[in-house]
């Protein structure tokens, strides 16, 4: 089995373990990752997921050795599959078309290149080890970005930087990723998973309906005209003032969380 889930309370760590191929993606792994994240999103006891590649590599992209064995007219690696059981679209790299209701944090060791970079960008946040790197390495082989890369990269780093990375395919080390907005945290080698799980547990402590509503609003309103976006934000989140906000205000009134304290909440 190339994918497994390790659970620690509300935090699930989804592990891709095909380390002999630097966690390059094949059809079986893509399906298993897709199913793991659908299971996470459907479980009411799960709040935050960490996505980690075992063995020192996040994901080296689509397995080109597998692709080389295909017939010239085989389009299976470049199609979307509707999964009738989950009612979701499964992409070539697996979960990259899923629109989850809960956050995912990518813990990046080693390469997150080509389709692996697309998977890292699919996550809500990225923690990279200082020796980790990204890059549109598929530029060398005529393999396009079809798992969200051309859409998400410009949203994260801006159009000019996205064009630079997409057109040149150059290596982008963790320090530059953090500087341009492609990573949120850079940690020492071997520490990405631990830091991502620490962040996940911190997020999981908060009132979840409110957190999920704010997250959904960020995703839904990107690119909307301001007036429309503001209206969407209000309609999407105002009920949380009643459902969770008043209860939180009462905890504050009783003495919790004073002076910006995030521990006693």
C-alpha atoms as a PDB file:
ATOM      1  CA  UNK A   1       0.000   0.000   0.000  1.00  0.00           C
ATOM      2  CA  UNK A   2       1.498   3.344  -1.067  1.00  0.00           C
ATOM      3  CA  UNK A   3      -0.822   5.562   0.978  1.00  0.00           C
ATOM      4  CA  UNK A   4      -1.694   5.358   4.649  1.00  0.00           C
ATOM      5  CA  UNK A   5      -3.302   7.611   7.244  1.00  0.00           C
ATOM      6  CA  UNK A   6      -1.982   8.208  10.746  1.00  0.00           C
ATOM      7  CA  UNK A   7      -4.521   9.801  13.089  1.00  0.00           C
ATOM      8  CA  UNK A   8      -3.819  11.858  16.202  1.00  0.00           C
ATOM      9  CA  UNK A   9      -7.146  13.133  17.472  1.00  0.00           C
ATOM     10  CA  UNK A  10      -8.569  15.650  14.985  1.00  0.00           C
ATOM     11  CA  UNK A  11      -5.337  15.759  12.963  1.00  0.00           C
ATOM     12  CA  UNK A  12      -4.867  13.226  10.182  1.00  0.00           C
ATOM     13  CA  UNK A  13      -1.515  12.797   8.455  1.00  0.00           C
ATOM     14  CA  UNK A  14      -1.935  11.427   4.940  1.00  0.00           C
ATOM     15  CA  UNK A  15       1.310   9.742   3.910  1.00  0.00           C
ATOM     16  CA  UNK A  16       2.376   8.954   0.367  1.00  0.00           C
ATOM     17  CA  UNK A  17       4.982   6.207   0.599  1.00  0.00           C
ATOM     18  CA  UNK A  18       6.431   5.319  -2.773  1.00  0.00           C
ATOM     19  CA  UNK A  19       9.874   6.456  -1.777  1.00  0.00           C
ATOM     20  CA  UNK A  20      11.714   4.138  -4.170  1.00  0.00           C
ATOM     21  CA  UNK A  21      10.357   6.410  -6.923  1.00  0.00           C
ATOM     22  CA  UNK A  22      10.740   9.654  -4.917  1.00  0.00           C
ATOM     23  CA  UNK A  23       6.985   9.478  -4.431  1.00  0.00           C
ATOM     24  CA  UNK A  24       6.319   9.976  -8.122  1.00  0.00           C
ATOM     25  CA  UNK A  25       2.651   9.429  -8.856  1.00  0.00           C
ATOM     26  CA  UNK A  26       1.217   6.365 -10.551  1.00  0.00           C
ATOM     27  CA  UNK A  27      -2.498   5.621 -11.067  1.00  0.00           C
ATOM     28  CA  UNK A  28      -2.814   3.448  -7.949  1.00  0.00           C
ATOM     29  CA  UNK A  29      -1.248   6.102  -5.710  1.00  0.00           C
ATOM     30  CA  UNK A  30      -3.364   8.847  -7.269  1.00  0.00           C
ATOM     31  CA  UNK A  31      -6.542   6.954  -6.524  1.00  0.00           C
ATOM     32  CA  UNK A  32      -5.446   6.071  -2.990  1.00  0.00           C
ATOM     33  CA  UNK A  33      -4.579   9.692  -2.173  1.00  0.00           C
ATOM     34  CA  UNK A  34      -7.884  10.857  -3.606  1.00  0.00           C
ATOM     35  CA  UNK A  35      -9.796   8.363  -1.461  1.00  0.00           C
ATOM     36  CA  UNK A  36      -7.795   9.256   1.663  1.00  0.00           C
ATOM     37  CA  UNK A  37      -8.636  12.949   1.412  1.00  0.00           C
ATOM     38  CA  UNK A  38     -12.308  12.264   0.662  1.00  0.00           C
ATOM     39  CA  UNK A  39     -12.402  10.079   3.781  1.00  0.00           C
ATOM     40  CA  UNK A  40     -10.775  12.886   5.791  1.00  0.00           C
ATOM     41  CA  UNK A  41     -13.280  15.466   4.600  1.00  0.00           C
ATOM     42  CA  UNK A  42     -16.235  13.188   5.315  1.00  0.00           C
ATOM     43  CA  UNK A  43     -15.199  12.248   8.852  1.00  0.00           C
ATOM     44  CA  UNK A  44     -16.817  14.577  11.436  1.00  0.00           C
ATOM     45  CA  UNK A  45     -14.023  13.885  13.930  1.00  0.00           C
ATOM     46  CA  UNK A  46     -11.254  15.044  11.555  1.00  0.00           C
ATOM     47  CA  UNK A  47     -10.395  18.758  11.459  1.00  0.00           C
ATOM     48  CA  UNK A  48      -7.025  19.307   9.748  1.00  0.00           C
ATOM     49  CA  UNK A  49      -4.921  17.122   7.464  1.00  0.00           C
ATOM     50  CA  UNK A  50      -1.170  17.068   6.949  1.00  0.00           C
ATOM     51  CA  UNK A  51       0.035  15.807   3.559  1.00  0.00           C
ATOM     52  CA  UNK A  52       3.535  14.289   3.729  1.00  0.00           C
ATOM     53  CA  UNK A  53       5.739  12.235   1.418  1.00  0.00           C
ATOM     54  CA  UNK A  54       7.721   9.548   3.213  1.00  0.00           C
ATOM     55  CA  UNK A  55      11.396   8.939   2.565  1.00  0.00           C
ATOM     56  CA  UNK A  56      12.729  12.435   1.945  1.00  0.00           C
ATOM     57  CA  UNK A  57      10.642  13.465  -1.077  1.00  0.00           C
ATOM     58  CA  UNK A  58       7.250  15.127  -1.207  1.00  0.00           C
ATOM     59  CA  UNK A  59       6.482  14.135  -4.798  1.00  0.00           C
ATOM     60  CA  UNK A  60       8.636  14.074  -7.939  1.00  0.00           C
ATOM     61  CA  UNK A  61       5.604  14.509 -10.186  1.00  0.00           C
ATOM     62  CA  UNK A  62       3.925  12.027 -12.472  1.00  0.00           C
ATOM     63  CA  UNK A  63       5.875   8.785 -12.866  1.00  0.00           C
ATOM     64  CA  UNK A  64       7.433   9.264 -16.316  1.00  0.00           C
ATOM     65  CA  UNK A  65       8.711   5.677 -16.348  1.00  0.00           C
ATOM     66  CA  UNK A  66       5.106   4.553 -16.081  1.00  0.00           C
ATOM     67  CA  UNK A  67       4.038   7.084 -18.706  1.00  0.00           C
ATOM     68  CA  UNK A  68       6.756   5.883 -21.091  1.00  0.00           C
ATOM     69  CA  UNK A  69       5.216   2.398 -21.054  1.00  0.00           C
ATOM     70  CA  UNK A  70       1.866   3.661 -22.332  1.00  0.00           C
ATOM     71  CA  UNK A  71       0.653   3.578 -25.907  1.00  0.00           C
ATOM     72  CA  UNK A  72       0.841   6.855 -27.841  1.00  0.00           C
ATOM     73  CA  UNK A  73      -2.953   7.156 -27.852  1.00  0.00           C
ATOM     74  CA  UNK A  74      -3.420   6.395 -24.151  1.00  0.00           C
ATOM     75  CA  UNK A  75      -5.081   9.471 -22.630  1.00  0.00           C
ATOM     76  CA  UNK A  76      -5.683   7.957 -19.216  1.00  0.00           C
ATOM     77  CA  UNK A  77      -3.009  10.099 -17.577  1.00  0.00           C
ATOM     78  CA  UNK A  78      -4.559  13.344 -18.826  1.00  0.00           C
ATOM     79  CA  UNK A  79      -8.237  12.860 -18.062  1.00  0.00           C
ATOM     80  CA  UNK A  80     -10.531  13.626 -15.152  1.00  0.00           C
ATOM     81  CA  UNK A  81     -12.482  10.738 -13.692  1.00  0.00           C
ATOM     82  CA  UNK A  82     -15.845  11.191 -12.016  1.00  0.00           C
ATOM     83  CA  UNK A  83     -16.004   8.922  -9.005  1.00  0.00           C
ATOM     84  CA  UNK A  84     -19.668   7.880  -8.642  1.00  0.00           C
ATOM     85  CA  UNK A  85     -19.202   6.738  -5.057  1.00  0.00           C
ATOM     86  CA  UNK A  86     -17.733   9.980  -3.719  1.00  0.00           C
ATOM     87  CA  UNK A  87     -19.329  12.325  -6.305  1.00  0.00           C
ATOM     88  CA  UNK A  88     -15.952  14.026  -6.795  1.00  0.00           C
ATOM     89  CA  UNK A  89     -13.621  14.433  -9.754  1.00  0.00           C
ATOM     90  CA  UNK A  90     -10.346  12.538  -9.523  1.00  0.00           C
ATOM     91  CA  UNK A  91      -7.455  14.209 -11.348  1.00  0.00           C
ATOM     92  CA  UNK A  92      -4.313  12.601 -12.823  1.00  0.00           C
ATOM     93  CA  UNK A  93      -2.371  13.447  -9.632  1.00  0.00           C
ATOM     94  CA  UNK A  94      -5.280  12.302  -7.465  1.00  0.00           C
ATOM     95  CA  UNK A  95      -6.795  14.900  -5.107  1.00  0.00           C
ATOM     96  CA  UNK A  96      -5.868  18.110  -6.952  1.00  0.00           C
ATOM     97  CA  UNK A  97      -9.483  18.775  -8.069  1.00  0.00           C
ATOM     98  CA  UNK A  98     -10.993  18.153  -4.640  1.00  0.00           C
ATOM     99  CA  UNK A  99     -12.559  21.193  -2.991  1.00  0.00           C
ATOM    100  CA  UNK A 100     -12.434  20.182   0.639  1.00  0.00           C
ATOM    101  CA  UNK A 101     -14.290  21.838   3.499  1.00  0.00           C
ATOM    102  CA  UNK A 102     -11.296  21.506   5.844  1.00  0.00           C
ATOM    103  CA  UNK A 103      -7.673  22.694   5.651  1.00  0.00           C
ATOM    104  CA  UNK A 104      -4.710  20.688   4.408  1.00  0.00           C
ATOM    105  CA  UNK A 105      -1.090  21.530   5.222  1.00  0.00           C
ATOM    106  CA  UNK A 106       1.630  20.217   2.896  1.00  0.00           C
ATOM    107  CA  UNK A 107       4.822  19.105   4.664  1.00  0.00           C
ATOM    108  CA  UNK A 108       7.488  19.287   1.965  1.00  0.00           C
ATOM    109  CA  UNK A 109      10.793  17.436   2.052  1.00  0.00           C
ATOM    110  CA  UNK A 110      13.093  17.184  -0.956  1.00  0.00           C
ATOM    111  CA  UNK A 111      11.457  17.649  -4.342  1.00  0.00           C
ATOM    112  CA  UNK A 112       7.933  18.907  -4.903  1.00  0.00           C
ATOM    113  CA  UNK A 113       8.252  19.270  -8.644  1.00  0.00           C
ATOM    114  CA  UNK A 114       5.982  19.175 -11.703  1.00  0.00           C
ATOM    115  CA  UNK A 115       2.765  17.481 -10.538  1.00  0.00           C
ATOM    116  CA  UNK A 116       4.217  17.324  -7.020  1.00  0.00           C
ATOM    117  CA  UNK A 117       4.433  21.104  -7.018  1.00  0.00           C
ATOM    118  CA  UNK A 118       0.804  21.205  -8.128  1.00  0.00           C
ATOM    119  CA  UNK A 119      -0.178  18.991  -5.186  1.00  0.00           C
ATOM    120  CA  UNK A 120       1.733  21.236  -2.762  1.00  0.00           C
ATOM    121  CA  UNK A 121      -0.085  24.279  -4.167  1.00  0.00           C
ATOM    122  CA  UNK A 122      -3.417  22.472  -3.787  1.00  0.00           C
ATOM    123  CA  UNK A 123      -2.874  22.501  -0.010  1.00  0.00           C
ATOM    124  CA  UNK A 124      -3.891  25.535   2.065  1.00  0.00           C
ATOM    125  CA  UNK A 125      -0.399  26.047   3.499  1.00  0.00           C
ATOM    126  CA  UNK A 126       3.075  24.749   2.824  1.00  0.00           C
ATOM    127  CA  UNK A 127       5.846  23.943   5.311  1.00  0.00           C
ATOM    128  CA  UNK A 128       9.158  23.338   3.513  1.00  0.00           C
ATOM    129  CA  UNK A 129      12.424  22.010   4.815  1.00  0.00           C
ATOM    130  CA  UNK A 130      15.367  24.283   4.026  1.00  0.00           C
ATOM    131  CA  UNK A 131      16.722  21.719   1.540  1.00  0.00           C
ATOM    132  CA  UNK A 132      13.369  21.215  -0.189  1.00  0.00           C
ATOM    133  CA  UNK A 133      12.577  22.694  -3.578  1.00  0.00           C
ATOM    134  CA  UNK A 134       9.882  23.166  -6.175  1.00  0.00           C
ATOM    135  CA  UNK A 135       9.963  23.607  -9.927  1.00  0.00           C
ATOM    136  CA  UNK A 136       8.011  22.994 -13.108  1.00  0.00           C
ATOM    137  CA  UNK A 137      10.463  20.263 -14.072  1.00  0.00           C
ATOM    138  CA  UNK A 138       8.005  18.802 -16.576  1.00  0.00           C
ATOM    139  CA  UNK A 139       8.886  21.761 -18.825  1.00  0.00           C
ATOM    140  CA  UNK A 140      11.812  19.664 -20.094  1.00  0.00           C
ATOM    141  CA  UNK A 141       9.637  16.837 -21.386  1.00  0.00           C
ATOM    142  CA  UNK A 142       6.649  18.579 -22.942  1.00  0.00           C
ATOM    143  CA  UNK A 143       4.315  17.565 -20.125  1.00  0.00           C
ATOM    144  CA  UNK A 144       1.863  20.392 -19.310  1.00  0.00           C
ATOM    145  CA  UNK A 145       0.454  21.449 -15.962  1.00  0.00           C
ATOM    146  CA  UNK A 146      -3.024  19.919 -15.741  1.00  0.00           C
ATOM    147  CA  UNK A 147      -3.478  19.599 -11.967  1.00  0.00           C
ATOM    148  CA  UNK A 148      -4.033  23.254 -11.146  1.00  0.00           C
ATOM    149  CA  UNK A 149      -0.531  24.630 -11.633  1.00  0.00           C
ATOM    150  CA  UNK A 150      -1.365  27.358 -14.129  1.00  0.00           C
ATOM    151  CA  UNK A 151      -4.299  28.466 -11.974  1.00  0.00           C
ATOM    152  CA  UNK A 152      -2.937  28.321  -8.432  1.00  0.00           C
ATOM    153  CA  UNK A 153       0.646  29.482  -8.978  1.00  0.00           C
ATOM    154  CA  UNK A 154      -0.283  32.979 -10.160  1.00  0.00           C
ATOM    155  CA  UNK A 155      -2.738  33.319  -7.280  1.00  0.00           C
ATOM    156  CA  UNK A 156       0.040  32.565  -4.818  1.00  0.00           C
ATOM    157  CA  UNK A 157       2.967  34.504  -6.292  1.00  0.00           C
ATOM    158  CA  UNK A 158       1.522  36.865  -8.926  1.00  0.00           C
ATOM    159  CA  UNK A 159       1.444  36.588 -12.695  1.00  0.00           C
ATOM    160  CA  UNK A 160       4.991  37.715 -13.460  1.00  0.00           C
ATOM    161  CA  UNK A 161       6.668  35.322 -11.035  1.00  0.00           C
ATOM    162  CA  UNK A 162       4.318  32.532 -12.098  1.00  0.00           C
ATOM    163  CA  UNK A 163       5.313  33.067 -15.735  1.00  0.00           C
ATOM    164  CA  UNK A 164       8.981  32.956 -14.777  1.00  0.00           C
ATOM    165  CA  UNK A 165       8.618  29.634 -12.972  1.00  0.00           C
ATOM    166  CA  UNK A 166       6.283  28.068 -15.537  1.00  0.00           C
ATOM    167  CA  UNK A 167       8.224  29.118 -18.644  1.00  0.00           C
ATOM    168  CA  UNK A 168      11.737  28.405 -17.365  1.00  0.00           C
ATOM    169  CA  UNK A 169      10.964  25.366 -15.225  1.00  0.00           C
ATOM    170  CA  UNK A 170      13.837  26.380 -12.965  1.00  0.00           C
ATOM    171  CA  UNK A 171      14.485  25.024  -9.482  1.00  0.00           C
ATOM    172  CA  UNK A 172      13.045  27.118  -6.642  1.00  0.00           C
ATOM    173  CA  UNK A 173      14.631  26.426  -3.275  1.00  0.00           C
ATOM    174  CA  UNK A 174      12.692  26.731  -0.024  1.00  0.00           C
ATOM    175  CA  UNK A 175      14.112  30.148   0.907  1.00  0.00           C
ATOM    176  CA  UNK A 176      12.901  31.659  -2.371  1.00  0.00           C
ATOM    177  CA  UNK A 177       9.575  29.867  -2.076  1.00  0.00           C
ATOM    178  CA  UNK A 178       8.992  31.538   1.281  1.00  0.00           C
ATOM    179  CA  UNK A 179      10.140  34.924  -0.030  1.00  0.00           C
ATOM    180  CA  UNK A 180       7.758  34.935  -3.012  1.00  0.00           C
ATOM    181  CA  UNK A 181       4.748  33.434  -1.208  1.00  0.00           C
ATOM    182  CA  UNK A 182       4.991  29.839  -2.383  1.00  0.00           C
ATOM    183  CA  UNK A 183       5.661  28.588   1.173  1.00  0.00           C
ATOM    184  CA  UNK A 184       4.552  29.877   4.552  1.00  0.00           C
ATOM    185  CA  UNK A 185       7.203  28.249   6.757  1.00  0.00           C
ATOM    186  CA  UNK A 186      10.774  27.019   6.238  1.00  0.00           C
ATOM    187  CA  UNK A 187      12.208  24.625   8.816  1.00  0.00           C
ATOM    188  CA  UNK A 188      15.331  22.552   9.315  1.00  0.00           C
ATOM    189  CA  UNK A 189      15.812  19.385   7.290  1.00  0.00           C
ATOM    190  CA  UNK A 190      13.691  16.540   8.655  1.00  0.00           C
ATOM    191  CA  UNK A 191      11.286  18.848  10.523  1.00  0.00           C
ATOM    192  CA  UNK A 192       8.542  19.570   7.969  1.00  0.00           C
ATOM    193  CA  UNK A 193       6.119  16.935   9.183  1.00  0.00           C
ATOM    194  CA  UNK A 194       6.548  17.865  12.850  1.00  0.00           C
ATOM    195  CA  UNK A 195       6.001  21.575  12.159  1.00  0.00           C
ATOM    196  CA  UNK A 196       2.990  20.905   9.935  1.00  0.00           C
ATOM    197  CA  UNK A 197       1.415  18.675  12.586  1.00  0.00           C
ATOM    198  CA  UNK A 198       2.085  21.311  15.246  1.00  0.00           C
ATOM    199  CA  UNK A 199       0.270  23.896  13.113  1.00  0.00           C
ATOM    200  CA  UNK A 200      -2.541  21.438  12.429  1.00  0.00           C
ATOM    201  CA  UNK A 201      -3.150  20.799  16.132  1.00  0.00           C
ATOM    202  CA  UNK A 202      -3.141  24.543  16.793  1.00  0.00           C
ATOM    203  CA  UNK A 203      -5.784  25.105  14.093  1.00  0.00           C
ATOM    204  CA  UNK A 204      -7.820  22.137  15.310  1.00  0.00           C
ATOM    205  CA  UNK A 205      -8.187  23.780  18.771  1.00  0.00           C
ATOM    206  CA  UNK A 206     -10.309  26.626  17.404  1.00  0.00           C
ATOM    207  CA  UNK A 207     -14.098  26.612  16.907  1.00  0.00           C
ATOM    208  CA  UNK A 208     -14.297  24.691  13.638  1.00  0.00           C
ATOM    209  CA  UNK A 209     -17.467  25.974  11.987  1.00  0.00           C
ATOM    210  CA  UNK A 210     -16.212  29.547  12.073  1.00  0.00           C
ATOM    211  CA  UNK A 211     -12.746  28.570  10.859  1.00  0.00           C
ATOM    212  CA  UNK A 212     -14.170  26.546   7.984  1.00  0.00           C
ATOM    213  CA  UNK A 213     -16.539  29.357   6.992  1.00  0.00           C
ATOM    214  CA  UNK A 214     -13.724  31.923   6.878  1.00  0.00           C
ATOM    215  CA  UNK A 215     -11.552  29.539   4.870  1.00  0.00           C
ATOM    216  CA  UNK A 216     -14.376  28.869   2.419  1.00  0.00           C
ATOM    217  CA  UNK A 217     -14.957  32.606   1.985  1.00  0.00           C
ATOM    218  CA  UNK A 218     -11.308  33.223   1.097  1.00  0.00           C
ATOM    219  CA  UNK A 219     -11.460  30.530  -1.577  1.00  0.00           C
ATOM    220  CA  UNK A 220     -14.856  31.496  -2.957  1.00  0.00           C
ATOM    221  CA  UNK A 221     -14.323  35.246  -3.202  1.00  0.00           C
ATOM    222  CA  UNK A 222     -10.945  35.266  -4.947  1.00  0.00           C
ATOM    223  CA  UNK A 223     -11.362  37.308  -8.117  1.00  0.00           C
ATOM    224  CA  UNK A 224     -14.890  38.503  -7.315  1.00  0.00           C
ATOM    225  CA  UNK A 225     -15.721  42.209  -7.560  1.00  0.00           C
ATOM    226  CA  UNK A 226     -15.364  43.726  -4.092  1.00  0.00           C
ATOM    227  CA  UNK A 227     -19.067  44.451  -3.568  1.00  0.00           C
ATOM    228  CA  UNK A 228     -20.037  40.894  -4.558  1.00  0.00           C
ATOM    229  CA  UNK A 229     -17.259  39.427  -2.432  1.00  0.00           C
ATOM    230  CA  UNK A 230     -18.307  41.403   0.634  1.00  0.00           C
ATOM    231  CA  UNK A 231     -21.891  40.268   0.230  1.00  0.00           C
ATOM    232  CA  UNK A 232     -20.767  36.648  -0.139  1.00  0.00           C
ATOM    233  CA  UNK A 233     -18.614  36.924   2.974  1.00  0.00           C
ATOM    234  CA  UNK A 234     -21.512  38.244   5.048  1.00  0.00           C
ATOM    235  CA  UNK A 235     -24.031  35.692   3.818  1.00  0.00           C
ATOM    236  CA  UNK A 236     -21.559  32.840   4.188  1.00  0.00           C
ATOM    237  CA  UNK A 237     -20.345  33.674   7.684  1.00  0.00           C
ATOM    238  CA  UNK A 238     -22.876  35.803   9.581  1.00  0.00           C
ATOM    239  CA  UNK A 239     -24.713  32.807  11.040  1.00  0.00           C
ATOM    240  CA  UNK A 240     -21.459  31.812  12.778  1.00  0.00           C
ATOM    241  CA  UNK A 241     -21.798  34.926  14.944  1.00  0.00           C
ATOM    242  CA  UNK A 242     -24.798  33.225  16.513  1.00  0.00           C
ATOM    243  CA  UNK A 243     -23.651  29.604  16.364  1.00  0.00           C
ATOM    244  CA  UNK A 244     -20.106  30.020  17.688  1.00  0.00           C
ATOM    245  CA  UNK A 245     -19.347  33.721  18.122  1.00  0.00           C
ATOM    246  CA  UNK A 246     -21.686  34.420  21.014  1.00  0.00           C
ATOM    247  CA  UNK A 247     -20.402  31.371  22.887  1.00  0.00           C
ATOM    248  CA  UNK A 248     -16.846  32.604  22.305  1.00  0.00           C
ATOM    249  CA  UNK A 249     -17.746  36.095  23.511  1.00  0.00           C
ATOM    250  CA  UNK A 250     -19.122  34.580  26.710  1.00  0.00           C
ATOM    251  CA  UNK A 251     -15.857  32.703  27.291  1.00  0.00           C
ATOM    252  CA  UNK A 252     -13.958  35.967  26.822  1.00  0.00           C
ATOM    253  CA  UNK A 253     -16.299  37.753  29.207  1.00  0.00           C
ATOM    254  CA  UNK A 254     -15.631  35.040  31.769  1.00  0.00           C
ATOM    255  CA  UNK A 255     -11.890  35.753  31.582  1.00  0.00           C
ATOM    256  CA  UNK A 256     -10.553  33.512  28.820  1.00  0.00           C
ATOM    257  CA  UNK A 257      -8.136  34.694  26.149  1.00  0.00           C
ATOM    258  CA  UNK A 258      -7.371  38.138  27.550  1.00  0.00           C
ATOM    259  CA  UNK A 259      -4.519  40.238  26.120  1.00  0.00           C
ATOM    260  CA  UNK A 260      -4.250  38.118  22.999  1.00  0.00           C
ATOM    261  CA  UNK A 261      -3.761  34.852  24.884  1.00  0.00           C
ATOM    262  CA  UNK A 262      -4.290  31.963  22.439  1.00  0.00           C
ATOM    263  CA  UNK A 263      -3.725  29.262  25.039  1.00  0.00           C
ATOM    264  CA  UNK A 264      -6.636  29.819  27.407  1.00  0.00           C
ATOM    265  CA  UNK A 265      -9.555  29.835  24.961  1.00  0.00           C
END
